C-alpha atoms as a PDB file:
ATOM      1  CA  UNK A   1      16.314   4.138  18.933  1.00  0.00           C
ATOM      2  CA  UNK A   2      13.741   3.041  21.458  1.00  0.00           C
ATOM      3  CA  UNK A   3      12.396  -0.454  21.016  1.00  0.00           C
ATOM      4  CA  UNK A   4       8.979  -0.661  19.415  1.00  0.00           C
ATOM      5  CA  UNK A   5       6.750  -3.478  20.523  1.00  0.00           C
ATOM      6  CA  UNK A   6       3.587  -4.917  19.081  1.00  0.00           C
ATOM      7  CA  UNK A   7       1.499  -6.849  21.494  1.00  0.00           C
ATOM      8  CA  UNK A   8      -1.764  -8.569  20.780  1.00  0.00           C
ATOM      9  CA  UNK A   9      -3.614 -11.331  22.566  1.00  0.00           C
ATOM     10  CA  UNK A  10      -2.955 -13.658  19.604  1.00  0.00           C
ATOM     11  CA  UNK A  11       0.765 -12.963  19.255  1.00  0.00           C
ATOM     12  CA  UNK A  12       2.538 -16.192  18.147  1.00  0.00           C
ATOM     13  CA  UNK A  13       4.480 -17.930  20.897  1.00  0.00           C
ATOM     14  CA  UNK A  14       8.240 -17.629  20.451  1.00  0.00           C
ATOM     15  CA  UNK A  15       8.051 -14.590  18.137  1.00  0.00           C
ATOM     16  CA  UNK A  16       9.778 -11.505  19.509  1.00  0.00           C
ATOM     17  CA  UNK A  17       7.635  -8.478  20.309  1.00  0.00           C
ATOM     18  CA  UNK A  18      10.587  -6.219  19.479  1.00  0.00           C
ATOM     19  CA  UNK A  19      10.312  -4.946  15.899  1.00  0.00           C
ATOM     20  CA  UNK A  20      13.051  -2.301  16.107  1.00  0.00           C
ATOM     21  CA  UNK A  21      15.611  -4.503  14.294  1.00  0.00           C
ATOM     22  CA  UNK A  22      13.616  -4.531  11.044  1.00  0.00           C
ATOM     23  CA  UNK A  23      15.316  -1.670   9.254  1.00  0.00           C
ATOM     24  CA  UNK A  24      15.425  -3.520   5.925  1.00  0.00           C
ATOM     25  CA  UNK A  25      13.129  -2.471   3.106  1.00  0.00           C
ATOM     26  CA  UNK A  26      10.325  -4.912   2.339  1.00  0.00           C
ATOM     27  CA  UNK A  27      11.695  -5.946  -1.043  1.00  0.00           C
ATOM     28  CA  UNK A  28      15.044  -7.026   0.438  1.00  0.00           C
ATOM     29  CA  UNK A  29      13.308  -9.603   2.634  1.00  0.00           C
ATOM     30  CA  UNK A  30      11.721 -11.194  -0.448  1.00  0.00           C
ATOM     31  CA  UNK A  31      14.997 -10.963  -2.416  1.00  0.00           C
ATOM     32  CA  UNK A  32      16.958 -12.686   0.369  1.00  0.00           C
ATOM     33  CA  UNK A  33      14.324 -15.386   0.830  1.00  0.00           C
ATOM     34  CA  UNK A  34      14.145 -16.076  -2.918  1.00  0.00           C
ATOM     35  CA  UNK A  35      17.930 -16.371  -3.033  1.00  0.00           C
ATOM     36  CA  UNK A  36      18.034 -18.748  -0.028  1.00  0.00           C
ATOM     37  CA  UNK A  37      14.879 -20.771  -0.791  1.00  0.00           C
ATOM     38  CA  UNK A  38      14.041 -20.357  -4.506  1.00  0.00           C
ATOM     39  CA  UNK A  39      11.933 -23.518  -4.779  1.00  0.00           C
ATOM     40  CA  UNK A  40      10.184 -23.265  -1.417  1.00  0.00           C
ATOM     41  CA  UNK A  41       6.447 -22.630  -1.674  1.00  0.00           C
ATOM     42  CA  UNK A  42       5.633 -19.000  -0.811  1.00  0.00           C
ATOM     43  CA  UNK A  43       1.864 -19.093  -1.264  1.00  0.00           C
ATOM     44  CA  UNK A  44      -0.913 -21.596  -1.767  1.00  0.00           C
ATOM     45  CA  UNK A  45      -4.139 -20.056  -3.015  1.00  0.00           C
ATOM     46  CA  UNK A  46      -7.034 -21.775  -4.795  1.00  0.00           C
ATOM     47  CA  UNK A  47      -4.928 -24.942  -5.217  1.00  0.00           C
ATOM     48  CA  UNK A  48      -2.170 -22.982  -7.011  1.00  0.00           C
ATOM     49  CA  UNK A  49       1.294 -22.706  -5.503  1.00  0.00           C
ATOM     50  CA  UNK A  50       3.943 -20.068  -6.141  1.00  0.00           C
ATOM     51  CA  UNK A  51       7.556 -20.317  -5.040  1.00  0.00           C
ATOM     52  CA  UNK A  52       9.728 -17.564  -3.623  1.00  0.00           C
ATOM     53  CA  UNK A  53      11.562 -17.366  -6.970  1.00  0.00           C
ATOM     54  CA  UNK A  54       8.286 -16.967  -8.891  1.00  0.00           C
ATOM     55  CA  UNK A  55       7.005 -14.246  -6.561  1.00  0.00           C
ATOM     56  CA  UNK A  56      10.341 -12.401  -6.746  1.00  0.00           C
ATOM     57  CA  UNK A  57      10.281 -12.630 -10.545  1.00  0.00           C
ATOM     58  CA  UNK A  58       6.800 -11.103 -10.624  1.00  0.00           C
ATOM     59  CA  UNK A  59       7.855  -8.388  -8.163  1.00  0.00           C
ATOM     60  CA  UNK A  60      10.924  -7.532 -10.258  1.00  0.00           C
ATOM     61  CA  UNK A  61       8.891  -7.354 -13.468  1.00  0.00           C
ATOM     62  CA  UNK A  62       6.289  -5.082 -11.857  1.00  0.00           C
ATOM     63  CA  UNK A  63       9.052  -2.876 -10.374  1.00  0.00           C
ATOM     64  CA  UNK A  64      10.651  -2.555 -13.822  1.00  0.00           C
ATOM     65  CA  UNK A  65       7.259  -1.638 -15.299  1.00  0.00           C
ATOM     66  CA  UNK A  66       6.736   1.078 -12.668  1.00  0.00           C
ATOM     67  CA  UNK A  67      10.232   2.467 -13.270  1.00  0.00           C
ATOM     68  CA  UNK A  68       9.637   2.450 -17.056  1.00  0.00           C
ATOM     69  CA  UNK A  69       6.573   4.630 -16.463  1.00  0.00           C
ATOM     70  CA  UNK A  70       8.622   7.212 -14.574  1.00  0.00           C
ATOM     71  CA  UNK A  71       7.670   6.166 -11.038  1.00  0.00           C
ATOM     72  CA  UNK A  72      10.496   7.294  -8.751  1.00  0.00           C
ATOM     73  CA  UNK A  73      11.415   7.196  -5.096  1.00  0.00           C
ATOM     74  CA  UNK A  74       8.972   9.385  -3.195  1.00  0.00           C
ATOM     75  CA  UNK A  75       6.062   8.854  -5.601  1.00  0.00           C
ATOM     76  CA  UNK A  76       2.921   7.216  -4.270  1.00  0.00           C
ATOM     77  CA  UNK A  77       1.360   4.119  -5.741  1.00  0.00           C
ATOM     78  CA  UNK A  78      -2.065   2.716  -4.877  1.00  0.00           C
ATOM     79  CA  UNK A  79      -2.497  -1.025  -5.241  1.00  0.00           C
ATOM     80  CA  UNK A  80      -6.122  -1.903  -5.929  1.00  0.00           C
ATOM     81  CA  UNK A  81      -6.335  -5.675  -5.600  1.00  0.00           C
ATOM     82  CA  UNK A  82      -8.280  -8.041  -3.383  1.00  0.00           C
ATOM     83  CA  UNK A  83      -6.652  -8.924  -0.081  1.00  0.00           C
ATOM     84  CA  UNK A  84      -5.286 -12.312  -1.085  1.00  0.00           C
ATOM     85  CA  UNK A  85      -1.832 -13.748  -1.841  1.00  0.00           C
ATOM     86  CA  UNK A  86      -1.765 -12.191  -5.320  1.00  0.00           C
ATOM     87  CA  UNK A  87      -1.139  -8.769  -3.731  1.00  0.00           C
ATOM     88  CA  UNK A  88       2.254  -9.782  -2.243  1.00  0.00           C
ATOM     89  CA  UNK A  89       4.516  -9.437  -5.303  1.00  0.00           C
ATOM     90  CA  UNK A  90       2.833  -6.164  -6.295  1.00  0.00           C
ATOM     91  CA  UNK A  91       3.263  -4.675  -2.832  1.00  0.00           C
ATOM     92  CA  UNK A  92       6.889  -5.806  -2.724  1.00  0.00           C
ATOM     93  CA  UNK A  93       7.508  -4.449  -6.232  1.00  0.00           C
ATOM     94  CA  UNK A  94       6.100  -1.072  -5.379  1.00  0.00           C
ATOM     95  CA  UNK A  95       8.535  -0.726  -2.490  1.00  0.00           C
ATOM     96  CA  UNK A  96      11.537  -1.040  -4.827  1.00  0.00           C
ATOM     97  CA  UNK A  97      11.331   2.257  -6.722  1.00  0.00           C
ATOM     98  CA  UNK A  98       8.535   3.639  -4.543  1.00  0.00           C
ATOM     99  CA  UNK A  99       8.858   3.419  -0.771  1.00  0.00           C
ATOM    100  CA  UNK A 100       5.331   4.746  -0.188  1.00  0.00           C
ATOM    101  CA  UNK A 101       2.876   2.085  -1.328  1.00  0.00           C
ATOM    102  CA  UNK A 102      -0.677   1.830  -0.100  1.00  0.00           C
ATOM    103  CA  UNK A 103      -2.787  -1.274  -0.607  1.00  0.00           C
ATOM    104  CA  UNK A 104      -6.232  -0.017  -1.609  1.00  0.00           C
ATOM    105  CA  UNK A 105      -8.453  -3.058  -1.529  1.00  0.00           C
ATOM    106  CA  UNK A 106     -12.228  -2.931  -1.962  1.00  0.00           C
ATOM    107  CA  UNK A 107     -12.448  -3.305   1.828  1.00  0.00           C
ATOM    108  CA  UNK A 108     -10.161  -0.334   2.578  1.00  0.00           C
ATOM    109  CA  UNK A 109     -12.098   2.356   4.409  1.00  0.00           C
ATOM    110  CA  UNK A 110     -11.766   5.842   2.853  1.00  0.00           C
ATOM    111  CA  UNK A 111      -9.985   7.096   5.970  1.00  0.00           C
ATOM    112  CA  UNK A 112      -7.081   4.667   5.288  1.00  0.00           C
ATOM    113  CA  UNK A 113      -6.585   5.688   1.657  1.00  0.00           C
ATOM    114  CA  UNK A 114      -3.872   8.053   0.467  1.00  0.00           C
ATOM    115  CA  UNK A 115      -5.500  11.150  -0.939  1.00  0.00           C
ATOM    116  CA  UNK A 116      -3.120  13.946  -1.793  1.00  0.00           C
END
């Protein structure tokens, strides 16, 4: 597989431009981080903190809810939440049973929305 690179003028120093090694699904990154750093703060938003373990717990509960409603691999899920840290566990959860998740925030232009 050819290396894919992302290059922007504001790319963080020391961070590789090669993204071809990221073959893991999104949820596995959160699962591994929650296992390694359960009490480490994942987000700080409006003076509230959430740890990796708390975010993973929310993601797992949302994934179980989606599966209980018959959502399966290949189905599409739209996530309509503001673009803020609260969207992270929901986006991660939707990638567990549903690999095609689209964040649909109020700021999402119609051309970026999934309509099928």
